N, C-alpha and C. Protein backbone atom coordinates (compact mmCIF):
# COMPACT_ATOMS: atom_id res chain seq x y z
N MET A 1 -3.93 15.34 -10.05
CA MET A 1 -4.60 14.74 -8.91
C MET A 1 -3.60 14.26 -7.87
N THR A 2 -2.36 14.15 -8.23
CA THR A 2 -1.38 13.71 -7.25
C THR A 2 -0.66 14.92 -6.69
N GLU A 3 -0.68 15.01 -5.37
CA GLU A 3 0.00 16.07 -4.66
C GLU A 3 0.78 15.45 -3.52
N SER A 4 1.53 16.24 -2.84
CA SER A 4 2.25 15.73 -1.68
C SER A 4 1.26 15.44 -0.56
N ALA A 5 1.75 14.74 0.46
CA ALA A 5 0.90 14.44 1.61
C ALA A 5 0.32 15.72 2.21
N ALA A 6 1.09 16.79 2.19
CA ALA A 6 0.61 18.05 2.73
C ALA A 6 -0.52 18.61 1.87
N GLY A 7 -0.55 18.26 0.57
CA GLY A 7 -1.57 18.76 -0.32
C GLY A 7 -2.88 18.03 -0.22
N GLY A 8 -2.90 16.86 0.38
CA GLY A 8 -4.14 16.18 0.64
C GLY A 8 -4.56 15.12 -0.36
N SER A 9 -3.78 14.84 -1.38
CA SER A 9 -4.13 13.80 -2.33
C SER A 9 -3.07 12.71 -2.30
N TYR A 10 -3.52 11.44 -2.31
CA TYR A 10 -2.60 10.34 -2.09
C TYR A 10 -2.68 9.28 -3.18
N SER A 11 -3.01 9.67 -4.40
CA SER A 11 -3.19 8.69 -5.47
C SER A 11 -1.88 8.03 -5.88
N ASN A 12 -0.78 8.44 -5.31
CA ASN A 12 0.51 7.83 -5.62
C ASN A 12 0.87 6.68 -4.70
N VAL A 13 -0.09 6.12 -3.99
CA VAL A 13 0.17 4.96 -3.13
C VAL A 13 -0.03 3.70 -3.96
N VAL A 14 1.01 2.86 -4.00
CA VAL A 14 0.96 1.61 -4.75
C VAL A 14 1.35 0.47 -3.81
N VAL A 15 0.51 -0.57 -3.80
CA VAL A 15 0.81 -1.77 -3.02
C VAL A 15 1.10 -2.88 -4.03
N SER A 16 2.31 -3.42 -3.99
CA SER A 16 2.77 -4.41 -4.97
C SER A 16 2.03 -5.73 -4.83
N PRO A 17 2.17 -6.61 -5.83
CA PRO A 17 1.65 -7.97 -5.67
C PRO A 17 2.36 -8.66 -4.52
N VAL A 18 1.74 -9.71 -4.01
CA VAL A 18 2.33 -10.48 -2.90
C VAL A 18 3.63 -11.13 -3.36
N MET A 19 4.65 -11.02 -2.51
CA MET A 19 5.95 -11.62 -2.79
C MET A 19 6.20 -12.76 -1.81
N ALA A 20 6.89 -13.78 -2.30
CA ALA A 20 7.19 -14.94 -1.46
C ALA A 20 8.10 -14.54 -0.32
N GLY A 21 7.81 -15.04 0.82
CA GLY A 21 8.60 -14.79 2.01
C GLY A 21 7.99 -15.57 3.15
N SER A 22 8.60 -15.49 4.28
CA SER A 22 8.05 -16.18 5.44
C SER A 22 7.86 -15.17 6.56
N PRO A 23 6.71 -14.53 6.65
CA PRO A 23 5.50 -14.71 5.85
C PRO A 23 5.55 -13.90 4.56
N PRO A 24 4.61 -14.19 3.63
CA PRO A 24 4.54 -13.40 2.39
C PRO A 24 4.32 -11.91 2.72
N PHE A 25 4.71 -11.04 1.80
CA PHE A 25 4.60 -9.60 2.05
C PHE A 25 4.32 -8.86 0.76
N ARG A 26 3.97 -7.59 0.90
CA ARG A 26 3.77 -6.69 -0.22
C ARG A 26 4.57 -5.42 0.06
N ILE A 27 5.16 -4.85 -0.98
CA ILE A 27 5.89 -3.60 -0.86
C ILE A 27 4.90 -2.44 -1.03
N VAL A 28 5.00 -1.45 -0.15
CA VAL A 28 4.15 -0.26 -0.23
C VAL A 28 5.03 0.91 -0.67
N GLN A 29 4.59 1.58 -1.73
CA GLN A 29 5.31 2.76 -2.23
C GLN A 29 4.40 3.98 -2.13
N VAL A 30 4.99 5.11 -1.79
CA VAL A 30 4.28 6.38 -1.76
C VAL A 30 5.09 7.36 -2.59
N CYS A 31 4.48 7.90 -3.62
CA CYS A 31 5.14 8.85 -4.53
C CYS A 31 6.44 8.27 -5.09
N GLY A 32 6.44 6.97 -5.40
CA GLY A 32 7.59 6.33 -5.99
C GLY A 32 8.67 5.90 -5.02
N GLU A 33 8.51 6.21 -3.75
CA GLU A 33 9.48 5.84 -2.72
C GLU A 33 8.95 4.68 -1.89
N VAL A 34 9.80 3.72 -1.59
CA VAL A 34 9.38 2.58 -0.78
C VAL A 34 9.13 3.04 0.65
N ALA A 35 7.91 2.78 1.12
CA ALA A 35 7.55 3.10 2.51
C ALA A 35 7.86 1.92 3.42
N GLY A 36 7.83 0.70 2.85
CA GLY A 36 8.15 -0.48 3.65
C GLY A 36 7.44 -1.72 3.17
N ARG A 37 7.60 -2.79 3.95
CA ARG A 37 6.95 -4.07 3.68
C ARG A 37 5.71 -4.19 4.54
N ALA A 38 4.66 -4.75 3.95
CA ALA A 38 3.43 -5.00 4.69
C ALA A 38 3.11 -6.48 4.63
N HIS A 39 2.74 -7.03 5.78
CA HIS A 39 2.34 -8.43 5.85
C HIS A 39 0.83 -8.58 5.94
N ASP A 40 0.14 -7.46 6.14
CA ASP A 40 -1.32 -7.45 6.17
C ASP A 40 -1.79 -6.01 5.99
N VAL A 41 -3.09 -5.84 5.90
CA VAL A 41 -3.65 -4.52 5.64
C VAL A 41 -3.37 -3.55 6.79
N ILE A 42 -3.26 -4.04 8.00
CA ILE A 42 -2.93 -3.18 9.14
C ILE A 42 -1.54 -2.59 8.97
N ASP A 43 -0.60 -3.38 8.46
CA ASP A 43 0.74 -2.85 8.17
C ASP A 43 0.68 -1.73 7.15
N VAL A 44 -0.18 -1.87 6.13
CA VAL A 44 -0.32 -0.81 5.12
C VAL A 44 -0.77 0.48 5.80
N ILE A 45 -1.76 0.38 6.65
CA ILE A 45 -2.26 1.56 7.36
C ILE A 45 -1.15 2.19 8.20
N HIS A 46 -0.39 1.39 8.93
CA HIS A 46 0.71 1.92 9.76
C HIS A 46 1.78 2.60 8.90
N LEU A 47 2.12 2.00 7.77
CA LEU A 47 3.13 2.60 6.89
C LEU A 47 2.65 3.93 6.34
N LEU A 48 1.39 4.00 5.95
CA LEU A 48 0.87 5.25 5.40
C LEU A 48 0.79 6.33 6.47
N ARG A 49 0.41 5.97 7.66
CA ARG A 49 0.40 6.95 8.75
C ARG A 49 1.81 7.47 9.03
N ALA A 50 2.79 6.59 8.93
CA ALA A 50 4.18 6.98 9.20
C ALA A 50 4.70 8.00 8.20
N VAL A 51 4.13 8.01 7.00
CA VAL A 51 4.58 8.99 5.98
C VAL A 51 3.61 10.17 5.86
N GLY A 52 2.69 10.29 6.82
CA GLY A 52 1.84 11.47 6.85
C GLY A 52 0.47 11.33 6.23
N ILE A 53 0.01 10.11 6.03
CA ILE A 53 -1.33 9.89 5.50
C ILE A 53 -2.14 9.24 6.64
N PRO A 54 -2.80 10.06 7.45
CA PRO A 54 -3.41 9.55 8.69
C PRO A 54 -4.66 8.70 8.51
N HIS A 55 -5.47 8.96 7.50
CA HIS A 55 -6.74 8.24 7.35
C HIS A 55 -6.94 7.83 5.89
N PRO A 56 -6.13 6.89 5.39
CA PRO A 56 -6.25 6.51 3.98
C PRO A 56 -7.53 5.71 3.72
N ASP A 57 -8.18 6.00 2.60
CA ASP A 57 -9.34 5.21 2.17
C ASP A 57 -8.81 4.11 1.27
N LEU A 58 -8.61 2.95 1.83
CA LEU A 58 -7.99 1.84 1.10
C LEU A 58 -8.88 1.26 0.01
N ASP A 59 -10.15 1.65 -0.01
CA ASP A 59 -11.09 1.16 -1.02
C ASP A 59 -11.19 2.10 -2.22
N ASP A 60 -10.58 3.26 -2.14
CA ASP A 60 -10.66 4.25 -3.21
C ASP A 60 -9.46 4.10 -4.14
N PRO A 61 -9.70 3.69 -5.41
CA PRO A 61 -8.59 3.50 -6.34
C PRO A 61 -7.83 4.78 -6.67
N SER A 62 -8.40 5.95 -6.38
CA SER A 62 -7.65 7.18 -6.59
C SER A 62 -6.70 7.45 -5.43
N VAL A 63 -6.85 6.67 -4.35
CA VAL A 63 -5.98 6.81 -3.19
C VAL A 63 -4.90 5.73 -3.20
N VAL A 64 -5.32 4.47 -3.39
CA VAL A 64 -4.39 3.33 -3.34
C VAL A 64 -4.60 2.45 -4.57
N ARG A 65 -3.50 2.13 -5.24
CA ARG A 65 -3.56 1.16 -6.34
C ARG A 65 -3.02 -0.17 -5.82
N TRP A 66 -3.90 -1.17 -5.77
CA TRP A 66 -3.54 -2.52 -5.33
C TRP A 66 -3.16 -3.33 -6.56
N GLU A 67 -1.94 -3.80 -6.63
CA GLU A 67 -1.49 -4.61 -7.76
C GLU A 67 -1.50 -6.09 -7.36
N GLY A 68 -1.98 -6.94 -8.24
CA GLY A 68 -1.95 -8.37 -7.98
C GLY A 68 -2.97 -8.83 -6.96
N GLY A 69 -4.00 -8.06 -6.74
CA GLY A 69 -5.04 -8.41 -5.79
C GLY A 69 -5.47 -7.21 -4.97
N ASP A 70 -6.50 -7.40 -4.18
CA ASP A 70 -7.02 -6.30 -3.38
C ASP A 70 -6.45 -6.31 -1.96
N LYS A 71 -7.06 -5.53 -1.08
CA LYS A 71 -6.53 -5.43 0.29
C LYS A 71 -6.68 -6.70 1.09
N PHE A 72 -7.43 -7.68 0.56
CA PHE A 72 -7.61 -8.96 1.25
C PHE A 72 -6.68 -10.05 0.71
N THR A 73 -5.85 -9.72 -0.29
CA THR A 73 -4.95 -10.69 -0.92
C THR A 73 -3.59 -10.63 -0.27
N TRP A 74 -3.23 -11.70 0.47
CA TRP A 74 -1.95 -11.71 1.18
C TRP A 74 -1.22 -13.04 1.03
N GLY A 75 -1.73 -13.94 0.21
CA GLY A 75 -1.05 -15.20 -0.04
C GLY A 75 -0.42 -15.20 -1.42
N VAL A 76 0.64 -15.97 -1.59
CA VAL A 76 1.32 -16.07 -2.89
C VAL A 76 0.49 -16.95 -3.80
N ARG A 77 0.18 -16.45 -4.98
CA ARG A 77 -0.61 -17.21 -5.94
C ARG A 77 0.22 -18.23 -6.65
N GLY A 78 -0.41 -19.36 -7.00
CA GLY A 78 0.26 -20.38 -7.79
C GLY A 78 1.17 -21.28 -6.99
N LYS A 79 1.11 -21.20 -5.69
CA LYS A 79 1.98 -22.06 -4.86
C LYS A 79 1.12 -23.05 -4.11
């Protein structure tokens, strides 16, 4: 089910749990490679577009795996 961006399947997108920072951020990986830091869901969309994923379905778990929370989780837990 995982193919390159040219193949049309993007199940290798992983968004890490929120990390402490000012502001907090999440690391976005595509196919095991770091695409960048995201401070909100719009950043995730921009990062995915930059690596050739123009219209990601952020609600589809076969497209994006959200670790440590969903696309609405952007604060550090336990602080």
